């Protein structure tokens, strides 16, 4: 986990950035792949993960 900035609330929270790639026809969305990303900086991560 890392510190993630919420621009709406102007605060930091512990969490991940989620990136989803998918296909859409305009009405539906089919996810193809995803990644949960954390910070690579030593002082920001509170828990480390490996990418798939």
Foldseek 3Di string as FASTA:
>chain_A
DFWDADPVVRDTDDAWDKDWDFDDPPPDTDTDDIWTHYDPDPVTDPDDDDTD
